[in-house]
């Protein structure tokens, strides 16, 4: 294998399909009475966030890819480009995505770039396009380094990541209820991902999967969508804006304001950056775990139910 290995930019190729499927979802909601809601300003914000993500990728993508191509010279193996290798790369990269996503919900530094994806109080296909502009700066792309060192070409790693991203598009909908049990057992689905976008205490920090829900089942983070508890979408504390600039940067600004507060110890400043979202030096805020504990104090009969 040589350095000339290339794959198509399938995410960009999929954009017309995204638009067509969004229009189909709107039609299904309006005329077929399928579940789901659209709010014009919210949907427009999501589309602008998606466009900004593309611009950021074009402007900054060379940083991660430059690192990957440099790292390629230190690979242990050269696994080639066969279909089995691509499939294995996809599965391992999906596992990488699970851990990236889990870190994004448990470390404020990464949450600052991921939070925008959860900022909509609606759940439809445009929500899938509400992507980060600042992912390059969290350095989470280094999680792909082991794949490259193992012998998966950088272009292949980026390619399978694109497939994963495309897969996740269609699960951002309320128009699809449940799929066959075997599919729900193995793959991420609209039902599973609705849980992930929930702000209900039981649904917080669950279902981090990209394509394969088996990772959540394996690592103990799977929570099913319950018929008796409708998912409430958005953030624990919603930001109440349709301004894409504020959506993209509000948590970064809040985090740096906390870090430079007067009178804090060095450890407290570091915790404001790296501890779970909601951590505070004086206990005035709540992390997801604290929210769940407070909910159980009010509803002790729900202890040991899913997500609690």
Foldseek 3Di string as FASTA:
>chain_A
DDPPDADDLVLVVCVVVLVVVQVVQVCCCPPVVFDFDDDVLQLVLLQVLLVLQVVLCVVPVCVLLVVLVVLLVLAPDAPDDDPVLLVVLLVVVQVLQLVLLLQCQFWLQNVLQVQLLQQDQTFALSSLSNHASCNVVSVSSCSCSVVSNNRDRSNSNVVSVSVLSVVQRHLRHRRDDDDDPVLVQFFDHVQQVLLDQAAPLLSDSAQSGRTTSVVCVVVVRGFGRDPVDDGGGRHVDHPPDSDSVCSRRVSVVVLVVLLPDPPDDNVQSVCSGTGGPQDHPVPPTDHSVRVNVVVCVVVVVCPPPRSD
